[in-house]
Protein backbone atom coordinates (compact mmCIF):
# COMPACT_ATOMS: atom_id res chain seq x y z
CA MET A 1 81.67 -61.98 53.76
CA ASN A 2 82.65 -58.26 53.62
CA LYS A 3 84.34 -56.86 50.63
CA GLU A 4 88.06 -57.52 51.87
CA GLU A 5 87.13 -61.16 52.77
CA LEU A 6 85.51 -61.45 49.26
CA GLY A 7 88.56 -60.29 47.65
CA ARG A 8 90.78 -62.50 49.53
CA LYS A 9 88.47 -65.55 48.76
CA ILE A 10 89.27 -64.02 44.96
CA ILE A 11 92.86 -63.99 45.04
CA SER A 12 93.13 -67.37 46.68
CA VAL A 13 91.38 -68.87 43.72
CA LEU A 14 93.54 -67.40 41.51
CA GLN A 15 96.53 -68.54 43.69
CA ASN A 16 95.30 -71.83 44.11
CA ALA A 17 95.43 -71.95 40.19
CA GLY A 18 98.81 -71.36 40.33
CA HIS A 19 98.89 -67.99 39.39
CA GLU A 20 99.92 -64.84 41.73
CA ALA A 21 97.51 -62.11 42.76
CA TYR A 22 97.99 -59.48 45.23
CA PHE A 23 95.16 -56.58 46.35
CA ALA A 24 96.81 -53.60 44.52
CA GLY A 25 96.59 -49.86 44.70
CA GLY A 26 94.01 -47.67 46.77
CA CYS A 27 92.89 -49.96 49.01
CA VAL A 28 96.69 -51.12 50.15
CA ARG A 29 97.52 -47.29 50.36
CA ASP A 30 94.23 -46.85 52.73
CA ARG A 31 95.22 -49.91 54.47
CA GLU A 32 98.47 -48.21 55.31
CA ARG A 33 97.35 -45.29 56.06
CA GLY A 34 94.69 -46.81 58.98
CA VAL A 35 91.61 -46.54 56.73
CA THR A 36 89.05 -48.93 55.50
CA PRO A 37 89.28 -49.39 52.00
CA LYS A 38 86.01 -48.88 50.19
CA ASP A 39 86.84 -50.72 46.87
CA TYR A 40 89.60 -53.72 46.73
CA ASP A 41 91.75 -54.19 43.09
CA ILE A 42 93.20 -57.01 42.28
CA ALA A 43 96.16 -57.40 40.41
CA THR A 44 97.48 -60.93 38.98
CA SER A 45 99.85 -62.36 36.85
CA ALA A 46 96.94 -64.38 35.52
CA LEU A 47 95.40 -63.59 31.71
CA PRO A 48 92.03 -62.31 31.03
CA GLU A 49 90.61 -65.38 30.06
CA GLU A 50 92.83 -67.40 32.39
CA VAL A 51 90.62 -64.99 34.85
CA MET A 52 87.63 -65.36 33.29
CA HIS A 53 87.53 -69.04 33.42
CA LEU A 54 88.23 -69.21 36.92
CA PHE A 55 84.82 -67.07 38.24
CA PRO A 56 81.62 -67.70 37.12
CA LYS A 57 80.37 -64.05 36.75
CA THR A 58 82.91 -62.08 35.00
CA VAL A 59 82.29 -58.44 33.11
CA PRO A 60 85.38 -57.85 29.88
CA VAL A 61 85.39 -54.09 31.19
CA GLY A 62 88.81 -53.56 28.87
CA LEU A 63 90.75 -56.70 27.57
CA ALA A 64 93.00 -54.78 26.22
CA PHE A 65 94.01 -53.66 28.85
CA GLY A 66 94.02 -56.54 30.77
CA VAL A 67 90.80 -55.78 33.21
CA VAL A 68 87.66 -57.96 33.88
CA LEU A 69 85.26 -57.34 36.56
CA VAL A 70 84.41 -60.43 38.87
CA ILE A 71 81.39 -60.22 40.95
CA GLU A 72 81.06 -62.08 44.07
CA GLU A 73 78.14 -61.42 46.40
CA GLY A 74 76.56 -58.40 43.78
CA ILE A 75 80.07 -56.92 44.64
CA HIS A 76 82.20 -55.57 41.34
CA PHE A 77 85.82 -56.95 41.77
CA GLU A 78 88.57 -55.04 39.32
CA ILE A 79 90.94 -57.85 38.15
CA ALA A 80 93.89 -56.51 36.18
CA THR A 81 96.68 -58.48 34.56
CA PHE A 82 100.11 -57.26 35.28
CA ARG A 83 101.10 -55.06 32.34
CA THR A 84 103.23 -52.10 30.76
CA GLU A 85 101.90 -49.42 29.02
CA ARG A 86 103.61 -47.37 25.59
CA ASN A 87 103.19 -44.69 23.69
CA TYR A 88 100.03 -42.81 24.55
CA ARG A 89 99.32 -41.02 21.78
CA ASP A 90 95.94 -39.19 22.67
CA GLY A 91 97.53 -38.01 25.98
CA ARG A 92 94.99 -40.37 27.71
CA HIS A 93 95.29 -43.93 26.47
CA PRO A 94 98.47 -46.73 25.52
CA SER A 95 98.64 -47.81 22.21
CA GLU A 96 100.39 -50.39 23.29
CA VAL A 97 99.67 -52.86 26.36
CA THR A 98 102.31 -55.90 26.90
CA PHE A 99 100.99 -57.84 29.56
CA SER A 100 104.23 -58.18 32.09
CA ASN A 101 104.79 -59.16 36.04
CA LEU A 102 104.54 -57.07 39.00
CA GLU A 103 107.76 -54.59 38.77
CA ASN A 104 107.06 -53.50 35.95
CA ASP A 105 103.08 -53.26 36.79
CA SER A 106 104.01 -50.85 39.85
CA LYS A 107 106.28 -48.58 37.68
CA ARG A 108 103.56 -48.03 35.24
CA ARG A 109 101.11 -46.79 37.60
CA ASP A 110 100.63 -42.68 38.19
CA PHE A 111 101.66 -42.15 42.02
CA THR A 112 103.87 -43.64 44.32
CA VAL A 113 101.41 -44.37 46.92
CA ASN A 114 99.40 -46.09 44.10
CA GLY A 115 101.91 -48.35 43.51
CA LEU A 116 101.69 -50.67 46.44
CA TYR A 117 100.86 -53.79 46.72
CA TRP A 118 99.66 -56.54 49.38
CA ASP A 119 100.38 -60.11 49.67
CA ILE A 120 97.89 -62.20 51.76
CA LYS A 121 99.94 -64.87 51.87
CA THR A 122 102.75 -63.58 53.86
CA ASN A 123 100.56 -60.62 54.85
CA GLN A 124 103.36 -58.07 53.43
CA ILE A 125 103.53 -55.07 51.32
CA VAL A 126 105.11 -55.40 48.09
CA ASP A 127 106.65 -51.55 47.33
CA ASN A 128 109.11 -51.26 44.09
CA VAL A 129 108.51 -47.65 44.42
CA GLY A 130 108.76 -46.12 47.44
CA GLY A 131 105.38 -45.23 48.27
CA ARG A 132 105.37 -46.02 52.04
CA ASP A 133 107.74 -43.73 52.84
CA ASP A 134 105.52 -41.15 50.72
CA ILE A 135 102.64 -42.08 52.90
CA GLN A 136 104.20 -42.00 55.62
CA LYS A 137 105.84 -38.36 54.46
CA LYS A 138 102.13 -37.76 53.41
CA ILE A 139 103.64 -36.79 50.01
CA ILE A 140 102.00 -37.30 46.31
CA ARG A 141 104.73 -37.85 43.92
CA THR A 142 104.63 -39.61 40.50
CA ILE A 143 106.05 -42.92 39.89
CA GLY A 144 109.40 -42.35 37.60
CA LEU A 145 109.58 -38.63 36.04
CA PRO A 146 107.00 -36.13 36.19
CA ASP A 147 107.15 -34.76 32.68
CA GLN A 148 106.71 -38.69 31.13
CA ARG A 149 104.08 -39.30 33.46
CA PHE A 150 101.69 -36.62 32.40
CA LYS A 151 102.60 -36.39 28.79
CA GLU A 152 101.46 -39.91 29.05
CA ASP A 153 98.11 -38.97 30.63
CA HIS A 154 97.37 -35.67 31.11
CA LEU A 155 94.74 -36.28 33.56
CA ARG A 156 96.70 -37.10 35.97
CA MET A 157 97.65 -33.45 36.54
CA MET A 158 94.12 -33.08 38.22
CA ARG A 159 94.60 -37.03 39.86
CA ALA A 160 97.67 -35.57 41.87
CA ILE A 161 95.68 -32.30 43.13
CA ARG A 162 92.41 -34.67 43.80
CA PHE A 163 95.09 -37.22 45.81
CA SER A 164 96.39 -34.30 47.67
CA VAL A 165 93.13 -32.55 49.12
CA GLN A 166 91.17 -36.71 49.51
CA LEU A 167 94.39 -37.73 51.69
CA GLY A 168 95.31 -34.69 52.67
CA PHE A 169 99.15 -35.12 51.34
CA GLU A 170 101.41 -32.36 49.55
CA ILE A 171 102.20 -32.80 46.45
CA GLU A 172 106.17 -32.92 45.76
CA PRO A 173 107.99 -30.11 44.65
CA GLN A 174 108.62 -31.43 41.27
CA THR A 175 105.47 -33.06 40.57
CA PHE A 176 103.40 -29.81 41.07
CA ASP A 177 106.41 -28.24 38.95
CA ALA A 178 105.34 -30.19 36.26
CA ILE A 179 101.94 -29.81 36.00
CA LYS A 180 102.56 -25.86 36.06
CA GLN A 181 104.66 -26.72 33.37
CA HIS A 182 101.90 -28.86 30.97
CA ALA A 183 98.98 -27.33 32.38
CA ALA A 184 97.74 -26.64 29.32
CA ASP A 185 97.68 -30.25 28.24
CA ILE A 186 94.66 -30.70 29.86
CA GLU A 187 92.61 -28.82 27.37
CA LYS A 188 93.21 -32.35 25.69
CA VAL A 189 91.27 -34.41 28.51
CA SER A 190 87.63 -34.70 27.43
CA HIS A 191 85.12 -32.48 29.64
CA GLU A 192 83.30 -35.33 31.17
CA ARG A 193 86.81 -36.66 32.55
CA ILE A 194 88.01 -32.94 34.19
CA ARG A 195 83.97 -32.92 35.69
CA ASP A 196 84.72 -36.29 37.35
CA GLU A 197 87.57 -34.88 38.74
CA LEU A 198 86.72 -31.48 39.68
CA SER A 199 83.67 -33.54 41.14
CA LYS A 200 85.76 -35.48 43.66
CA ILE A 201 87.91 -32.51 44.34
CA LEU A 202 84.77 -30.16 45.62
CA SER A 203 83.51 -32.92 47.16
CA SER A 204 86.76 -33.83 49.08
CA PRO A 205 87.43 -33.21 52.97
CA ASN A 206 89.24 -29.90 51.72
CA PRO A 207 87.92 -28.24 48.51
CA SER A 208 88.76 -24.61 48.93
CA ARG A 209 92.64 -26.04 49.03
CA GLY A 210 91.60 -27.91 45.56
CA ILE A 211 90.59 -24.66 44.13
CA ARG A 212 93.52 -23.01 45.14
CA LEU A 213 95.97 -25.88 43.48
CA LEU A 214 93.98 -26.40 40.70
CA ASP A 215 94.15 -22.02 40.29
CA GLU A 216 98.23 -21.97 41.54
CA THR A 217 98.78 -24.75 38.90
CA GLY A 218 97.46 -22.98 36.29
CA LEU A 219 94.88 -25.95 35.20
CA ALA A 220 91.54 -24.06 36.22
CA SER A 221 92.00 -21.42 33.75
CA HIS A 222 91.81 -23.81 31.06
CA PHE A 223 88.63 -25.81 31.92
CA LEU A 224 87.06 -22.95 34.72
CA PRO A 225 87.84 -19.63 33.37
CA GLU A 226 85.35 -17.72 35.17
CA LEU A 227 87.52 -18.00 38.53
CA GLU A 228 90.71 -15.81 37.11
CA LEU A 229 87.91 -13.42 36.65
CA MET A 230 86.70 -13.12 40.57
CA LYS A 231 89.93 -11.95 41.43
CA GLY A 232 90.97 -8.78 42.31
CA VAL A 233 86.86 -7.33 41.94
CA GLU A 234 85.99 -5.60 45.28
CA GLN A 235 83.17 -6.17 47.24
CA PRO A 236 81.05 -3.43 49.76
CA SER A 237 83.42 -3.20 52.89
CA GLU A 238 80.38 -2.98 55.02
CA TYR A 239 79.02 -6.89 53.72
CA HIS A 240 81.93 -7.95 52.22
CA PRO A 241 85.31 -7.03 55.13
CA GLU A 242 87.02 -10.48 53.85
CA GLY A 243 87.73 -9.25 50.96
CA ASP A 244 87.47 -9.66 46.99
CA VAL A 245 84.99 -11.71 45.30
CA TYR A 246 87.44 -14.65 44.86
CA VAL A 247 89.11 -14.73 48.59
CA HIS A 248 85.15 -14.94 49.23
CA THR A 249 84.07 -17.66 47.16
CA LEU A 250 87.10 -19.62 48.85
CA MET A 251 85.94 -19.06 52.32
CA LEU A 252 82.54 -20.08 51.32
CA LEU A 253 84.69 -23.95 50.39
CA ASP A 254 86.03 -23.75 53.63
CA GLY A 255 83.18 -23.93 55.12
CA LEU A 256 82.50 -27.22 53.39
CA ALA A 257 84.01 -31.11 53.75
CA ASN A 258 82.57 -33.91 52.01
CA ALA A 259 79.40 -31.86 50.52
CA GLU A 260 77.30 -33.07 48.12
CA LEU A 261 78.42 -32.10 44.86
CA GLU A 262 75.69 -29.93 43.94
CA LEU A 263 76.27 -27.30 46.93
CA ALA A 264 79.78 -26.95 46.33
CA MET A 265 79.13 -26.10 43.14
CA GLY A 266 76.66 -23.84 43.69
CA ALA A 267 78.79 -22.64 46.34
CA LEU A 268 81.72 -22.19 43.67
CA LEU A 269 79.84 -19.97 41.20
CA HIS A 270 77.03 -18.14 43.46
CA ASP A 271 79.00 -14.94 42.56
CA VAL A 272 80.42 -16.03 39.58
CA ALA A 273 78.51 -12.80 37.77
CA LYS A 274 79.66 -10.01 40.15
CA PRO A 275 82.62 -9.57 37.64
CA ALA A 276 80.12 -8.67 34.74
CA THR A 277 77.52 -6.78 37.13
CA PHE A 278 79.98 -4.82 38.87
CA THR A 279 79.54 -0.69 39.19
CA ARG A 280 80.68 1.55 41.77
CA GLY A 281 77.45 4.00 42.10
CA PRO A 282 77.59 7.35 44.22
CA ASP A 283 76.40 5.22 47.20
CA ARG A 284 78.62 2.14 47.36
CA ILE A 285 79.46 -0.80 45.23
CA ARG A 286 76.61 -2.84 43.55
CA PHE A 287 76.17 -6.09 41.46
CA HIS A 288 72.47 -5.45 40.26
CA GLY A 289 71.54 -8.91 38.40
CA HIS A 290 74.34 -10.91 39.66
CA ASP A 291 72.21 -13.96 40.46
CA VAL A 292 70.27 -14.06 37.24
CA LEU A 293 73.23 -13.72 35.16
CA GLY A 294 75.07 -16.00 37.55
CA ALA A 295 72.55 -18.79 37.01
CA GLN A 296 72.80 -18.29 33.45
CA MET A 297 76.67 -18.45 33.36
CA SER A 298 76.47 -21.40 35.89
CA LYS A 299 74.23 -23.28 33.32
CA GLU A 300 76.92 -22.42 30.36
CA ILE A 301 79.41 -23.83 32.40
CA CYS A 302 77.42 -27.28 33.43
CA LYS A 303 77.05 -27.63 30.15
CA ARG A 304 80.20 -27.37 29.37
CA LEU A 305 82.03 -29.88 32.15
CA ALA A 306 79.01 -32.19 30.96
CA PHE A 307 77.62 -31.91 34.21
CA SER A 308 73.60 -34.01 34.12
CA ASN A 309 70.34 -32.26 33.18
CA ASP A 310 69.24 -32.54 37.05
CA GLN A 311 72.58 -31.54 38.48
CA THR A 312 72.84 -28.87 36.40
CA GLU A 313 69.28 -27.45 37.16
CA LEU A 314 70.10 -27.92 40.99
CA ILE A 315 73.42 -26.19 41.10
CA CYS A 316 71.54 -23.03 38.67
CA SER A 317 68.52 -22.82 41.69
CA LEU A 318 71.43 -22.41 44.08
CA VAL A 319 72.88 -19.21 42.47
CA LEU A 320 69.89 -17.98 41.23
CA GLU A 321 68.06 -17.87 44.59
CA HIS A 322 71.04 -17.28 46.71
CA LEU A 323 70.24 -13.68 47.25
CA ARG A 324 66.54 -14.30 48.46
CA PHE A 325 67.19 -15.18 52.09
CA LYS A 326 67.58 -10.98 52.64
CA ASP A 327 63.83 -10.86 52.01
CA VAL A 328 62.21 -13.42 54.28
CA PHE A 329 61.37 -11.25 56.93
CA LYS A 330 58.86 -9.17 54.90
CA MET A 331 57.86 -12.26 52.77
CA ARG A 332 53.94 -12.78 52.72
CA VAL A 333 53.48 -16.45 54.45
CA SER A 334 52.43 -17.83 50.46
CA THR A 335 55.54 -16.56 49.41
CA LEU A 336 57.72 -17.41 51.77
CA LYS A 337 56.26 -21.22 51.70
CA ARG A 338 56.90 -21.09 47.77
CA PHE A 339 60.48 -20.72 48.34
CA MET A 340 60.94 -23.31 50.99
CA SER A 341 59.15 -25.64 48.25
CA LEU A 342 62.12 -25.35 46.16
CA PRO A 343 64.03 -28.96 45.79
CA ARG A 344 66.40 -29.54 48.09
CA PHE A 345 65.72 -26.40 50.22
CA ASP A 346 67.90 -27.49 52.97
CA LEU A 347 71.02 -26.61 50.05
CA HIS A 348 69.64 -23.52 49.81
CA LEU A 349 69.85 -22.86 53.25
CA GLU A 350 73.45 -24.26 53.77
CA LEU A 351 74.25 -22.18 50.88
CA HIS A 352 73.07 -18.58 52.85
CA ARG A 353 75.07 -19.78 55.97
CA LEU A 354 78.12 -20.29 54.10
CA ASP A 355 77.88 -16.83 52.48
CA CYS A 356 76.92 -15.62 55.46
CA MET A 357 79.99 -16.84 57.35
CA ALA A 358 82.16 -15.88 54.60
CA SER A 359 81.34 -12.27 54.77
CA HIS A 360 79.26 -10.40 57.36
CA LYS A 361 78.47 -13.09 59.68
CA ASN A 362 74.98 -12.34 60.62
CA LEU A 363 73.16 -15.19 60.56
CA ASP A 364 69.39 -13.85 61.74
CA ALA A 365 68.04 -14.72 58.08
CA TYR A 366 69.43 -18.48 58.54
CA HIS A 367 68.04 -18.90 61.58
CA PHE A 368 64.49 -17.07 60.61
CA ALA A 369 64.25 -19.40 57.69
CA LYS A 370 65.16 -22.47 59.01
CA THR A 371 62.80 -22.57 62.02
CA LYS A 372 60.20 -21.90 59.24
CA TYR A 373 61.33 -25.02 57.37
CA GLU A 374 61.27 -27.04 60.30
CA ASP A 375 57.82 -25.96 60.93
CA PHE A 376 57.09 -26.16 57.53
CA LEU A 377 58.03 -29.65 57.32
CA LYS A 378 55.76 -30.72 59.33
CA LEU A 379 52.83 -29.57 57.76
CA PRO A 380 50.74 -31.91 55.02
CA PRO A 381 51.27 -30.42 52.07
CA PRO A 382 48.32 -28.23 51.39
CA PRO A 383 46.33 -29.51 48.35
CA LEU A 384 47.35 -26.59 45.58
CA LYS A 385 45.18 -27.82 42.60
CA LEU A 386 41.95 -27.34 44.23
CA ILE A 387 40.15 -26.05 40.77
CA SER A 388 41.75 -26.23 37.29
CA GLY A 389 41.23 -24.46 34.14
CA GLU A 390 39.07 -26.76 33.19
CA ASP A 391 36.57 -25.01 36.70
CA LEU A 392 37.25 -21.94 35.25
CA LYS A 393 35.89 -22.44 31.94
CA GLN A 394 32.97 -23.87 33.55
CA MET A 395 32.50 -20.86 35.38
CA GLY A 396 32.39 -18.71 32.49
CA PHE A 397 36.47 -17.80 32.27
CA ALA A 398 37.53 -17.81 28.65
CA PRO A 399 41.46 -19.52 28.43
CA GLY A 400 44.11 -17.36 28.50
CA PRO A 401 46.71 -15.63 30.67
CA LEU A 402 44.10 -14.51 32.97
CA PHE A 403 43.64 -18.13 33.70
CA SER A 404 47.52 -18.12 35.33
CA GLU A 405 46.56 -15.16 37.01
CA ILE A 406 43.63 -16.73 38.98
CA LEU A 407 44.77 -20.20 39.74
CA GLY A 408 48.06 -18.65 41.27
CA GLN A 409 46.31 -15.98 43.29
CA VAL A 410 43.95 -19.21 44.69
CA GLU A 411 47.46 -20.79 45.53
CA ASP A 412 48.36 -18.33 47.56
CA GLN A 413 45.33 -18.13 49.43
CA ILE A 414 45.56 -22.32 49.88
CA LEU A 415 49.06 -21.30 50.73
CA GLU A 416 48.21 -18.62 53.67
CA GLY A 417 45.40 -21.05 55.38
CA LYS A 418 42.52 -19.00 53.93
CA ILE A 419 41.06 -21.32 51.79
CA GLU A 420 40.94 -25.28 52.22
CA GLN A 421 37.84 -26.65 50.27
CA LYS A 422 37.35 -26.49 46.56
CA GLU A 423 33.89 -24.39 47.34
CA GLN A 424 35.87 -21.59 49.26
CA ALA A 425 38.19 -21.77 46.06
CA ILE A 426 35.06 -20.82 43.67
CA GLN A 427 33.92 -18.44 46.04
CA PHE A 428 37.30 -16.54 45.86
CA VAL A 429 37.38 -16.43 42.18
CA ASN A 430 33.60 -15.24 41.95
CA GLU A 431 34.33 -12.48 44.69
CA ASN A 432 37.84 -11.27 43.25
CA PHE A 433 37.19 -11.99 39.36
CA GLN A 434 33.31 -11.20 38.46
CA SER A 435 34.41 -8.34 36.22
CA GLN A 436 36.70 -10.36 34.05
CA ARG A 437 34.29 -12.72 33.41
CA GLU A 438 31.76 -10.40 32.46
CA ARG A 439 34.07 -9.06 29.98
CA LYS A 440 33.96 -12.01 28.59
């Protein structure tokens, strides 16, 4: 069975036990849009304990909110009891939850497009909030007064933007104005939840529009103030005819659609240090060291937004290395191979391409590096560890900084294709470091 068929099976079990049950929320919205849903959530009149009694595999993920996971053939379905919510004291979670009926359940949801229910018995859509009309108009609108919705749950402001860019819908003016009015409240939301919504925005079909909306509503200034500093920072026109750093950054994001998050974050932050490194010399504007400082700033930003260590490492690497492509034509073979050995070099390549297309549009270095990388991937990995520090000690060298220099030069020779066997490595060391050994 596919997901929809399994969901129908769950609904039938609930209905046969005398309960109301419907597909609800995003899966109904997507079906109305002609898009196959990724997940199928279910709303029901059954209480959590009744749901758990009816199905053999369940997980009580939110009993206080009437939410139970039902597992069918390894697939998780979120089953939520109809409810009303009151008194959102922390700007995120209601302190009062009352199990209720379908009409009240629809009114406690965030946006009209998410307030729909699908009755599989009649194959009819239950719409108490005008969601179908807003789907037709391609509008994101809160259910009820937007001021109240955003005071209840501050994260809904970012969710409005996320749905807007994911679905390609416009945010209704009153809803948009309310986001601007309450933007400062986003500071009360946990960094993890902000990160999750930002990640979905950046991985959407239109991340640049998402960043523009975060900026225009004032939300971005409260969790990513570095973006504001990019505005008006002039760049040398011969390399950047497109405009200032902020415009350039948005143009990079214009080239992305449904991209990997790390690439999107790398694109967003690749020039984050340009405002801090701006200098106007006698010849032209320069941003000396903005790659190194940018990687440091990116690390702090990723830490602030609670990205994982692995995500942070890759994002910072993309920022740190993005200027190196200008030197690929004159790199030694060993240097180029080390460069191409960076984890996810494919993302480094793509960031460089985006950077070029958002500025001077010269792709010579990109095509050169791409061809070299394709050839590099066809080669078996060279045995870089032909000799070790223990070998050097047996050869009469004393442990110390010299070890790193010797082993590094041996690796360069291996990458250049000049050394393939251990005996050749030993001969290279004897020929090039004899004097250092004699002084020990």
